[in-house]
Amino acid sequence: MFHLKRDKRPFFRLLGIISGSLVDAFGYSAFLVPNKLNLGGIAGVATILYHLIGLPVGFLYFILNVPIFILALFKLDRRVLLRTGLTLLINAFAMDLFMRILNYAPITNDLLLAAIYGGVLSGIGIGLVFRSRGSLGGTDLLAQVIFSYTHFSFGQIVFFVDASVILATAIIFHNAQLALLPLLALFILGKVIDTVQEGFSAAKVALIVTNEEEKLQSFIINIMGRGITILDGYGGYTKEGKRVLLCAFSRSQITGFKENVKAIDPGAFMMIGSLDEVLGEGFENGF
């Protein structure tokens, strides 16, 4: 069974890269590019040039990435570059295809809606590509290359490039909204990427310091149907030994969990937090 899953992994990664590239390209073609909105970076430069000289935006995006890709050949892992090259080809071709299908017009002329929907779709696309261990090239690839030569902070490089392109867009087209709305789109894009990569927080984890270890252990195992780990603790204030219970459970169980723990041991000390992912017995098939 293990080998079967391992053999299928490259196929699903390829599927994720292709799907993500198409979704990202549609977000740009249907909402961002026609409205002169961009999220910075190489795609932003391609958007500016598209409106200034009229060449296809996907073609421009691909051409602008070529010198970066060549520089990366000497610095970055070849397998990463292979996946990046595939993503660039799909993304660039899909941008121009979608633009032609949509007759080079946006789905909406409302800049706010365009920024929101463009940010969401681009975030979904990038998240799928990242989750499949791919890269869309552009600013991320450029930042990796610059970092390998100069060792400037990766985050600072990305921020400087994106901010410069967004500001240039507003100046060139004399529209302050073209600088303000991309900030909203970038915020949305970041949240969507995190959600696609990590999923919604569907699990909770609890640490309980209690004097009713056996009763709580019975409740968690027999009533909640969850496993439990018992840790030895030591009270920093009381200087007494304590038993600490650690358990993970679904979000839907949190209300009943808190009520029952308090009923069993009113003096229990609880810390409850969210988990991005839980792997193991009882959690393989979701919550």
C-alpha atoms as a PDB file:
ATOM      1  CA  MET A   1       0.000   0.000   0.000  1.00  0.00           C
ATOM      2  CA  PHE A   2       2.875   2.334   0.826  1.00  0.00           C
ATOM      3  CA  HIS A   3       4.502   1.784  -2.570  1.00  0.00           C
ATOM      4  CA  LEU A   4       1.188   2.389  -4.346  1.00  0.00           C
ATOM      5  CA  LYS A   5       0.800   5.767  -2.671  1.00  0.00           C
ATOM      6  CA  ARG A   6       4.396   6.693  -3.351  1.00  0.00           C
ATOM      7  CA  ASP A   7       4.060   5.828  -7.049  1.00  0.00           C
ATOM      8  CA  LYS A   8       0.980   8.028  -7.375  1.00  0.00           C
ATOM      9  CA  ARG A   9       2.590  11.043  -5.732  1.00  0.00           C
ATOM     10  CA  PRO A  10       4.330  12.446  -8.857  1.00  0.00           C
ATOM     11  CA  PHE A  11       1.058  12.226 -10.789  1.00  0.00           C
ATOM     12  CA  PHE A  12      -0.877  14.196  -8.169  1.00  0.00           C
ATOM     13  CA  ARG A  13       1.919  16.759  -7.914  1.00  0.00           C
ATOM     14  CA  LEU A  14       1.838  17.219 -11.672  1.00  0.00           C
ATOM     15  CA  LEU A  15      -1.942  17.548 -11.542  1.00  0.00           C
ATOM     16  CA  GLY A  16      -1.651  20.135  -8.770  1.00  0.00           C
ATOM     17  CA  ILE A  17       0.917  22.160 -10.722  1.00  0.00           C
ATOM     18  CA  ILE A  18      -1.207  22.157 -13.876  1.00  0.00           C
ATOM     19  CA  SER A  19      -4.445  22.983 -12.015  1.00  0.00           C
ATOM     20  CA  GLY A  20      -2.785  25.716  -9.966  1.00  0.00           C
ATOM     21  CA  SER A  21      -1.207  27.294 -13.038  1.00  0.00           C
ATOM     22  CA  LEU A  22      -4.558  27.394 -14.832  1.00  0.00           C
ATOM     23  CA  VAL A  23      -6.428  28.887 -11.866  1.00  0.00           C
ATOM     24  CA  ASP A  24      -3.760  31.553 -11.335  1.00  0.00           C
ATOM     25  CA  ALA A  25      -3.750  32.394 -15.043  1.00  0.00           C
ATOM     26  CA  PHE A  26      -7.539  32.768 -15.076  1.00  0.00           C
ATOM     27  CA  GLY A  27      -7.404  35.143 -12.098  1.00  0.00           C
ATOM     28  CA  TYR A  28      -4.979  37.371 -13.951  1.00  0.00           C
ATOM     29  CA  SER A  29      -6.719  37.170 -17.330  1.00  0.00           C
ATOM     30  CA  ALA A  30     -10.286  37.617 -16.114  1.00  0.00           C
ATOM     31  CA  PHE A  31      -9.827  40.206 -13.348  1.00  0.00           C
ATOM     32  CA  LEU A  32      -6.355  41.672 -12.878  1.00  0.00           C
ATOM     33  CA  VAL A  33      -4.678  42.304 -16.231  1.00  0.00           C
ATOM     34  CA  PRO A  34      -7.654  43.871 -18.097  1.00  0.00           C
ATOM     35  CA  ASN A  35      -8.196  46.256 -15.167  1.00  0.00           C
ATOM     36  CA  LYS A  36      -4.490  47.226 -15.038  1.00  0.00           C
ATOM     37  CA  LEU A  37      -4.275  45.679 -11.577  1.00  0.00           C
ATOM     38  CA  ASN A  38      -1.180  43.741 -10.688  1.00  0.00           C
ATOM     39  CA  LEU A  39       0.261  42.082  -7.623  1.00  0.00           C
ATOM     40  CA  GLY A  40       3.801  43.188  -8.323  1.00  0.00           C
ATOM     41  CA  GLY A  41       6.751  41.191  -9.556  1.00  0.00           C
ATOM     42  CA  ILE A  42       7.341  39.891 -13.062  1.00  0.00           C
ATOM     43  CA  ALA A  43       3.638  39.391 -13.755  1.00  0.00           C
ATOM     44  CA  GLY A  44       3.122  43.030 -12.798  1.00  0.00           C
ATOM     45  CA  VAL A  45       5.804  44.191 -15.220  1.00  0.00           C
ATOM     46  CA  ALA A  46       4.188  42.071 -17.944  1.00  0.00           C
ATOM     47  CA  THR A  47       0.833  43.690 -17.155  1.00  0.00           C
ATOM     48  CA  ILE A  48       2.284  47.191 -17.518  1.00  0.00           C
ATOM     49  CA  LEU A  49       4.002  46.335 -20.809  1.00  0.00           C
ATOM     50  CA  TYR A  50       0.823  44.696 -22.145  1.00  0.00           C
ATOM     51  CA  HIS A  51      -1.083  47.955 -21.747  1.00  0.00           C
ATOM     52  CA  LEU A  52       1.782  50.082 -23.085  1.00  0.00           C
ATOM     53  CA  ILE A  53       2.913  48.119 -26.160  1.00  0.00           C
ATOM     54  CA  GLY A  54       0.060  45.661 -26.740  1.00  0.00           C
ATOM     55  CA  LEU A  55       2.012  42.378 -26.826  1.00  0.00           C
ATOM     56  CA  PRO A  56       0.269  39.346 -25.237  1.00  0.00           C
ATOM     57  CA  VAL A  57       0.703  39.388 -21.472  1.00  0.00           C
ATOM     58  CA  GLY A  58       1.474  35.674 -21.239  1.00  0.00           C
ATOM     59  CA  PHE A  59       4.164  35.967 -23.890  1.00  0.00           C
ATOM     60  CA  LEU A  60       5.689  38.950 -22.059  1.00  0.00           C
ATOM     61  CA  TYR A  61       5.563  37.096 -18.743  1.00  0.00           C
ATOM     62  CA  PHE A  62       7.409  34.134 -20.242  1.00  0.00           C
ATOM     63  CA  ILE A  63      10.058  36.278 -21.996  1.00  0.00           C
ATOM     64  CA  LEU A  64      10.744  38.291 -18.828  1.00  0.00           C
ATOM     65  CA  ASN A  65      11.308  35.059 -16.909  1.00  0.00           C
ATOM     66  CA  VAL A  66      13.824  33.630 -19.382  1.00  0.00           C
ATOM     67  CA  PRO A  67      16.908  35.587 -18.186  1.00  0.00           C
ATOM     68  CA  ILE A  68      15.986  34.875 -14.559  1.00  0.00           C
ATOM     69  CA  PHE A  69      15.621  31.195 -15.406  1.00  0.00           C
ATOM     70  CA  ILE A  70      19.040  31.153 -17.096  1.00  0.00           C
ATOM     71  CA  LEU A  71      20.690  32.730 -14.048  1.00  0.00           C
ATOM     72  CA  ALA A  72      18.917  30.213 -11.820  1.00  0.00           C
ATOM     73  CA  LEU A  73      20.439  27.308 -13.774  1.00  0.00           C
ATOM     74  CA  PHE A  74      23.785  28.034 -12.128  1.00  0.00           C
ATOM     75  CA  LYS A  75      22.447  28.369  -8.596  1.00  0.00           C
ATOM     76  CA  LEU A  76      19.286  26.350  -7.962  1.00  0.00           C
ATOM     77  CA  ASP A  77      18.307  22.683  -7.952  1.00  0.00           C
ATOM     78  CA  ARG A  78      17.599  21.339 -11.451  1.00  0.00           C
ATOM     79  CA  ARG A  79      14.460  19.444 -10.382  1.00  0.00           C
ATOM     80  CA  VAL A  80      12.959  22.614  -8.929  1.00  0.00           C
ATOM     81  CA  LEU A  81      13.795  24.458 -12.143  1.00  0.00           C
ATOM     82  CA  LEU A  82      12.187  21.723 -14.246  1.00  0.00           C
ATOM     83  CA  ARG A  83       8.907  22.083 -12.355  1.00  0.00           C
ATOM     84  CA  THR A  84       9.217  25.875 -12.529  1.00  0.00           C
ATOM     85  CA  GLY A  85       9.774  25.778 -16.290  1.00  0.00           C
ATOM     86  CA  LEU A  86       6.700  23.603 -16.771  1.00  0.00           C
ATOM     87  CA  THR A  87       4.618  25.955 -14.628  1.00  0.00           C
ATOM     88  CA  LEU A  88       5.839  29.004 -16.552  1.00  0.00           C
ATOM     89  CA  LEU A  89       4.918  27.457 -19.894  1.00  0.00           C
ATOM     90  CA  ILE A  90       1.416  26.472 -18.746  1.00  0.00           C
ATOM     91  CA  ASN A  91       0.812  29.767 -16.951  1.00  0.00           C
ATOM     92  CA  ALA A  92       1.969  31.949 -19.859  1.00  0.00           C
ATOM     93  CA  PHE A  93       0.030  29.971 -22.474  1.00  0.00           C
ATOM     94  CA  ALA A  94      -3.117  29.880 -20.321  1.00  0.00           C
ATOM     95  CA  MET A  95      -3.017  33.652 -19.682  1.00  0.00           C
ATOM     96  CA  ASP A  96      -3.116  34.442 -23.384  1.00  0.00           C
ATOM     97  CA  LEU A  97      -5.684  31.704 -24.074  1.00  0.00           C
ATOM     98  CA  PHE A  98      -8.066  32.991 -21.400  1.00  0.00           C
ATOM     99  CA  MET A  99      -7.552  36.601 -22.528  1.00  0.00           C
ATOM    100  CA  ARG A 100      -8.549  35.614 -26.069  1.00  0.00           C
ATOM    101  CA  ILE A 101     -11.571  33.595 -24.879  1.00  0.00           C
ATOM    102  CA  LEU A 102     -12.740  36.580 -22.810  1.00  0.00           C
ATOM    103  CA  ASN A 103     -12.139  38.899 -25.785  1.00  0.00           C
ATOM    104  CA  TYR A 104      -9.507  40.807 -23.781  1.00  0.00           C
ATOM    105  CA  ALA A 105     -12.174  42.242 -21.486  1.00  0.00           C
ATOM    106  CA  PRO A 106     -12.525  41.815 -17.706  1.00  0.00           C
ATOM    107  CA  ILE A 107     -15.437  39.917 -16.179  1.00  0.00           C
ATOM    108  CA  THR A 108     -16.071  43.021 -14.056  1.00  0.00           C
ATOM    109  CA  ASN A 109     -14.911  46.629 -14.382  1.00  0.00           C
ATOM    110  CA  ASP A 110     -15.328  47.214 -10.646  1.00  0.00           C
ATOM    111  CA  LEU A 111     -11.729  47.506  -9.436  1.00  0.00           C
ATOM    112  CA  LEU A 112     -12.555  46.429  -5.890  1.00  0.00           C
ATOM    113  CA  LEU A 113     -14.310  43.244  -7.036  1.00  0.00           C
ATOM    114  CA  ALA A 114     -11.534  42.596  -9.538  1.00  0.00           C
ATOM    115  CA  ALA A 115      -8.893  42.895  -6.802  1.00  0.00           C
ATOM    116  CA  ILE A 116     -10.817  40.545  -4.499  1.00  0.00           C
ATOM    117  CA  TYR A 117     -11.581  37.866  -7.079  1.00  0.00           C
ATOM    118  CA  GLY A 118      -8.151  38.178  -8.680  1.00  0.00           C
ATOM    119  CA  GLY A 119      -6.483  37.794  -5.293  1.00  0.00           C
ATOM    120  CA  VAL A 120      -8.600  34.769  -4.378  1.00  0.00           C
ATOM    121  CA  LEU A 121      -8.039  32.947  -7.673  1.00  0.00           C
ATOM    122  CA  SER A 122      -4.338  33.728  -7.782  1.00  0.00           C
ATOM    123  CA  GLY A 123      -4.022  32.605  -4.166  1.00  0.00           C
ATOM    124  CA  ILE A 124      -5.754  29.304  -4.899  1.00  0.00           C
ATOM    125  CA  GLY A 125      -3.558  28.748  -7.930  1.00  0.00           C
ATOM    126  CA  ILE A 126      -0.290  29.593  -6.188  1.00  0.00           C
ATOM    127  CA  GLY A 127      -1.311  27.537  -3.156  1.00  0.00           C
ATOM    128  CA  LEU A 128      -1.950  24.478  -5.331  1.00  0.00           C
ATOM    129  CA  VAL A 129       1.396  24.924  -7.078  1.00  0.00           C
ATOM    130  CA  PHE A 130       3.278  25.358  -3.793  1.00  0.00           C
ATOM    131  CA  ARG A 131       1.481  22.374  -2.256  1.00  0.00           C
ATOM    132  CA  SER A 132       2.638  20.330  -5.243  1.00  0.00           C
ATOM    133  CA  ARG A 133       6.232  21.501  -4.642  1.00  0.00           C
ATOM    134  CA  GLY A 134       6.240  23.688  -7.709  1.00  0.00           C
ATOM    135  CA  SER A 135       6.973  27.358  -8.327  1.00  0.00           C
ATOM    136  CA  LEU A 136       5.470  29.966 -10.617  1.00  0.00           C
ATOM    137  CA  GLY A 137       8.845  31.589 -11.138  1.00  0.00           C
ATOM    138  CA  GLY A 138       8.593  35.354 -11.353  1.00  0.00           C
ATOM    139  CA  THR A 139       9.488  37.283  -8.199  1.00  0.00           C
ATOM    140  CA  ASP A 140      10.055  34.161  -6.091  1.00  0.00           C
ATOM    141  CA  LEU A 141      12.586  32.765  -8.561  1.00  0.00           C
ATOM    142  CA  LEU A 142      14.227  36.183  -8.954  1.00  0.00           C
ATOM    143  CA  ALA A 143      14.478  36.555  -5.169  1.00  0.00           C
ATOM    144  CA  GLN A 144      16.092  33.126  -4.856  1.00  0.00           C
ATOM    145  CA  VAL A 145      18.661  34.056  -7.509  1.00  0.00           C
ATOM    146  CA  ILE A 146      19.419  37.463  -5.930  1.00  0.00           C
ATOM    147  CA  PHE A 147      19.648  35.843  -2.503  1.00  0.00           C
ATOM    148  CA  SER A 148      22.137  33.253  -3.795  1.00  0.00           C
ATOM    149  CA  TYR A 149      24.389  36.059  -5.090  1.00  0.00           C
ATOM    150  CA  THR A 150      23.935  38.790  -2.471  1.00  0.00           C
ATOM    151  CA  HIS A 151      22.423  37.075   0.625  1.00  0.00           C
ATOM    152  CA  PHE A 152      19.958  39.905   1.119  1.00  0.00           C
ATOM    153  CA  SER A 153      16.843  38.857   3.016  1.00  0.00           C
ATOM    154  CA  PHE A 154      14.471  36.862   0.783  1.00  0.00           C
ATOM    155  CA  GLY A 155      11.457  38.693   2.209  1.00  0.00           C
ATOM    156  CA  GLN A 156      13.036  42.102   1.676  1.00  0.00           C
ATOM    157  CA  ILE A 157      13.819  41.304  -1.958  1.00  0.00           C
ATOM    158  CA  VAL A 158      10.256  40.156  -2.675  1.00  0.00           C
ATOM    159  CA  PHE A 159       8.754  43.177  -0.905  1.00  0.00           C
ATOM    160  CA  PHE A 160      11.019  45.669  -2.712  1.00  0.00           C
ATOM    161  CA  VAL A 161      10.334  44.192  -6.171  1.00  0.00           C
ATOM    162  CA  ASP A 162       6.565  43.892  -5.672  1.00  0.00           C
ATOM    163  CA  ALA A 163       6.193  47.322  -4.081  1.00  0.00           C
ATOM    164  CA  SER A 164       8.242  48.977  -6.833  1.00  0.00           C
ATOM    165  CA  VAL A 165       6.137  47.443  -9.604  1.00  0.00           C
ATOM    166  CA  ILE A 166       2.826  48.286  -7.924  1.00  0.00           C
ATOM    167  CA  LEU A 167       3.913  51.888  -7.329  1.00  0.00           C
ATOM    168  CA  ALA A 168       5.138  52.170 -10.932  1.00  0.00           C
ATOM    169  CA  THR A 169       1.737  50.990 -12.181  1.00  0.00           C
ATOM    170  CA  ALA A 170      -0.071  53.768 -10.306  1.00  0.00           C
ATOM    171  CA  ILE A 171       2.388  56.390 -11.565  1.00  0.00           C
ATOM    172  CA  ILE A 172       2.359  55.254 -15.206  1.00  0.00           C
ATOM    173  CA  PHE A 173      -1.433  55.063 -15.453  1.00  0.00           C
ATOM    174  CA  HIS A 174      -2.093  58.047 -13.141  1.00  0.00           C
ATOM    175  CA  ASN A 175      -4.455  56.136 -10.863  1.00  0.00           C
ATOM    176  CA  ALA A 176      -3.839  55.865  -7.103  1.00  0.00           C
ATOM    177  CA  GLN A 177      -6.315  52.972  -6.834  1.00  0.00           C
ATOM    178  CA  LEU A 178      -3.889  50.851  -8.822  1.00  0.00           C
ATOM    179  CA  ALA A 179      -1.501  51.136  -5.875  1.00  0.00           C
ATOM    180  CA  LEU A 180      -4.051  50.826  -3.062  1.00  0.00           C
ATOM    181  CA  LEU A 181      -6.224  47.944  -4.259  1.00  0.00           C
ATOM    182  CA  PRO A 182      -3.330  45.532  -4.942  1.00  0.00           C
ATOM    183  CA  LEU A 183      -2.486  45.747  -1.233  1.00  0.00           C
ATOM    184  CA  LEU A 184      -5.925  44.305  -0.487  1.00  0.00           C
ATOM    185  CA  ALA A 185      -5.468  41.669  -3.181  1.00  0.00           C
ATOM    186  CA  LEU A 186      -2.043  40.702  -1.794  1.00  0.00           C
ATOM    187  CA  PHE A 187      -3.500  40.328   1.702  1.00  0.00           C
ATOM    188  CA  ILE A 188      -6.277  38.080   0.376  1.00  0.00           C
ATOM    189  CA  LEU A 189      -3.798  36.148  -1.772  1.00  0.00           C
ATOM    190  CA  GLY A 190      -1.566  35.434   1.241  1.00  0.00           C
ATOM    191  CA  LYS A 191      -4.460  34.165   3.353  1.00  0.00           C
ATOM    192  CA  VAL A 192      -5.762  31.962   0.536  1.00  0.00           C
ATOM    193  CA  ILE A 193      -2.306  30.483  -0.128  1.00  0.00           C
ATOM    194  CA  ASP A 194      -1.965  29.563   3.556  1.00  0.00           C
ATOM    195  CA  THR A 195      -5.430  27.992   3.567  1.00  0.00           C
ATOM    196  CA  VAL A 196      -4.793  25.949   0.415  1.00  0.00           C
ATOM    197  CA  GLN A 197      -1.433  24.719   1.706  1.00  0.00           C
ATOM    198  CA  GLU A 198      -2.389  24.075   5.315  1.00  0.00           C
ATOM    199  CA  GLY A 199      -6.174  23.672   5.195  1.00  0.00           C
ATOM    200  CA  PHE A 200      -8.719  25.161   7.546  1.00  0.00           C
ATOM    201  CA  SER A 201      -7.943  24.649  11.203  1.00  0.00           C
ATOM    202  CA  ALA A 202     -10.218  21.675  11.822  1.00  0.00           C
ATOM    203  CA  ALA A 203      -8.504  20.215  14.891  1.00  0.00           C
ATOM    204  CA  LYS A 204      -7.924  21.357  18.442  1.00  0.00           C
ATOM    205  CA  VAL A 205      -5.252  20.390  20.948  1.00  0.00           C
ATOM    206  CA  ALA A 206      -5.606  20.604  24.719  1.00  0.00           C
ATOM    207  CA  LEU A 207      -3.167  20.507  27.612  1.00  0.00           C
ATOM    208  CA  ILE A 208      -4.865  19.865  30.945  1.00  0.00           C
ATOM    209  CA  VAL A 209      -3.239  20.061  34.364  1.00  0.00           C
ATOM    210  CA  THR A 210      -5.498  18.105  36.712  1.00  0.00           C
ATOM    211  CA  ASN A 211      -5.801  16.186  39.945  1.00  0.00           C
ATOM    212  CA  GLU A 212      -8.509  13.951  38.408  1.00  0.00           C
ATOM    213  CA  GLU A 213      -6.310  12.170  35.902  1.00  0.00           C
ATOM    214  CA  GLU A 214      -8.158   8.837  35.838  1.00  0.00           C
ATOM    215  CA  LYS A 215     -11.648  10.332  35.498  1.00  0.00           C
ATOM    216  CA  LEU A 216     -10.606  12.663  32.687  1.00  0.00           C
ATOM    217  CA  GLN A 217      -8.693   9.878  30.986  1.00  0.00           C
ATOM    218  CA  SER A 218     -11.810   7.692  31.040  1.00  0.00           C
ATOM    219  CA  PHE A 219     -13.973  10.508  29.653  1.00  0.00           C
ATOM    220  CA  ILE A 220     -11.602  11.366  26.807  1.00  0.00           C
ATOM    221  CA  ILE A 221     -11.013   7.745  25.751  1.00  0.00           C
ATOM    222  CA  ASN A 222     -14.445   6.205  26.340  1.00  0.00           C
ATOM    223  CA  ILE A 223     -16.833   9.111  25.716  1.00  0.00           C
ATOM    224  CA  MET A 224     -14.953  11.320  23.234  1.00  0.00           C
ATOM    225  CA  GLY A 225     -13.265   8.414  21.503  1.00  0.00           C
ATOM    226  CA  ARG A 226      -9.896  10.162  21.433  1.00  0.00           C
ATOM    227  CA  GLY A 227      -6.441   9.058  22.482  1.00  0.00           C
ATOM    228  CA  ILE A 228      -4.506  10.732  25.248  1.00  0.00           C
ATOM    229  CA  THR A 229      -0.888  11.171  26.304  1.00  0.00           C
ATOM    230  CA  ILE A 230      -0.027  11.619  29.990  1.00  0.00           C
ATOM    231  CA  LEU A 231       2.979  13.806  30.814  1.00  0.00           C
ATOM    232  CA  ASP A 232       4.757  14.342  34.124  1.00  0.00           C
ATOM    233  CA  GLY A 233       4.804  17.993  35.131  1.00  0.00           C
ATOM    234  CA  TYR A 234       6.060  20.041  38.059  1.00  0.00           C
ATOM    235  CA  GLY A 235       4.309  23.118  39.464  1.00  0.00           C
ATOM    236  CA  GLY A 236       6.660  26.111  39.435  1.00  0.00           C
ATOM    237  CA  TYR A 237       4.631  27.867  42.149  1.00  0.00           C
ATOM    238  CA  THR A 238       3.367  24.947  44.232  1.00  0.00           C
ATOM    239  CA  LYS A 239       6.566  22.877  43.849  1.00  0.00           C
ATOM    240  CA  GLU A 240       4.355  19.816  43.526  1.00  0.00           C
ATOM    241  CA  GLY A 241       4.271  17.075  40.928  1.00  0.00           C
ATOM    242  CA  LYS A 242       1.463  17.415  38.385  1.00  0.00           C
ATOM    243  CA  ARG A 243      -0.069  15.177  35.744  1.00  0.00           C
ATOM    244  CA  VAL A 244      -0.559  16.846  32.368  1.00  0.00           C
ATOM    245  CA  LEU A 245      -2.956  15.362  29.818  1.00  0.00           C
ATOM    246  CA  LEU A 246      -2.389  15.989  26.120  1.00  0.00           C
ATOM    247  CA  CYS A 247      -5.060  15.200  23.532  1.00  0.00           C
ATOM    248  CA  ALA A 248      -6.244  16.233  20.058  1.00  0.00           C
ATOM    249  CA  PHE A 249      -9.878  16.332  19.025  1.00  0.00           C
ATOM    250  CA  SER A 250     -12.171  17.769  16.355  1.00  0.00           C
ATOM    251  CA  ARG A 251     -13.480  21.328  16.374  1.00  0.00           C
ATOM    252  CA  SER A 252     -17.047  20.063  16.765  1.00  0.00           C
ATOM    253  CA  GLN A 253     -16.145  18.468  20.122  1.00  0.00           C
ATOM    254  CA  ILE A 254     -14.736  21.575  21.792  1.00  0.00           C
ATOM    255  CA  THR A 255     -17.884  22.753  23.610  1.00  0.00           C
ATOM    256  CA  GLY A 256     -18.663  19.370  25.137  1.00  0.00           C
ATOM    257  CA  PHE A 257     -14.988  18.894  25.958  1.00  0.00           C
ATOM    258  CA  LYS A 258     -14.706  22.083  28.008  1.00  0.00           C
ATOM    259  CA  GLU A 259     -18.011  21.556  29.819  1.00  0.00           C
ATOM    260  CA  ASN A 260     -17.189  17.985  30.834  1.00  0.00           C
ATOM    261  CA  VAL A 261     -13.628  18.745  31.923  1.00  0.00           C
ATOM    262  CA  LYS A 262     -14.913  21.517  34.204  1.00  0.00           C
ATOM    263  CA  ALA A 263     -17.648  19.230  35.558  1.00  0.00           C
ATOM    264  CA  ILE A 264     -15.163  16.442  36.327  1.00  0.00           C
ATOM    265  CA  ASP A 265     -12.458  18.702  37.781  1.00  0.00           C
ATOM    266  CA  PRO A 266     -13.531  22.322  38.482  1.00  0.00           C
ATOM    267  CA  GLY A 267      -9.946  23.158  39.406  1.00  0.00           C
ATOM    268  CA  ALA A 268      -8.423  21.867  36.162  1.00  0.00           C
ATOM    269  CA  PHE A 269      -6.133  24.202  34.237  1.00  0.00           C
ATOM    270  CA  MET A 270      -6.725  23.989  30.474  1.00  0.00           C
ATOM    271  CA  MET A 271      -4.914  25.370  27.457  1.00  0.00           C
ATOM    272  CA  ILE A 272      -6.684  24.833  24.118  1.00  0.00           C
ATOM    273  CA  GLY A 273      -5.267  25.756  20.718  1.00  0.00           C
ATOM    274  CA  SER A 274      -5.806  25.170  16.998  1.00  0.00           C
ATOM    275  CA  LEU A 275      -3.844  22.744  14.829  1.00  0.00           C
ATOM    276  CA  ASP A 276      -3.236  23.077  11.105  1.00  0.00           C
ATOM    277  CA  GLU A 277      -2.907  19.333  10.602  1.00  0.00           C
ATOM    278  CA  VAL A 278      -3.074  16.099  12.598  1.00  0.00           C
ATOM    279  CA  LEU A 279      -1.729  12.822  11.268  1.00  0.00           C
ATOM    280  CA  GLY A 280      -2.102   9.463  12.953  1.00  0.00           C
ATOM    281  CA  GLU A 281      -4.632   7.050  14.347  1.00  0.00           C
ATOM    282  CA  GLY A 282      -8.140   8.457  14.452  1.00  0.00           C
ATOM    283  CA  PHE A 283      -7.309  11.375  12.166  1.00  0.00           C
ATOM    284  CA  GLU A 284      -6.373   9.811   8.813  1.00  0.00           C
ATOM    285  CA  ASN A 285      -9.782  10.415   7.258  1.00  0.00           C
ATOM    286  CA  GLY A 286     -10.485  13.898   8.570  1.00  0.00           C
ATOM    287  CA  PHE A 287     -12.670  14.969  11.464  1.00  0.00           C
END
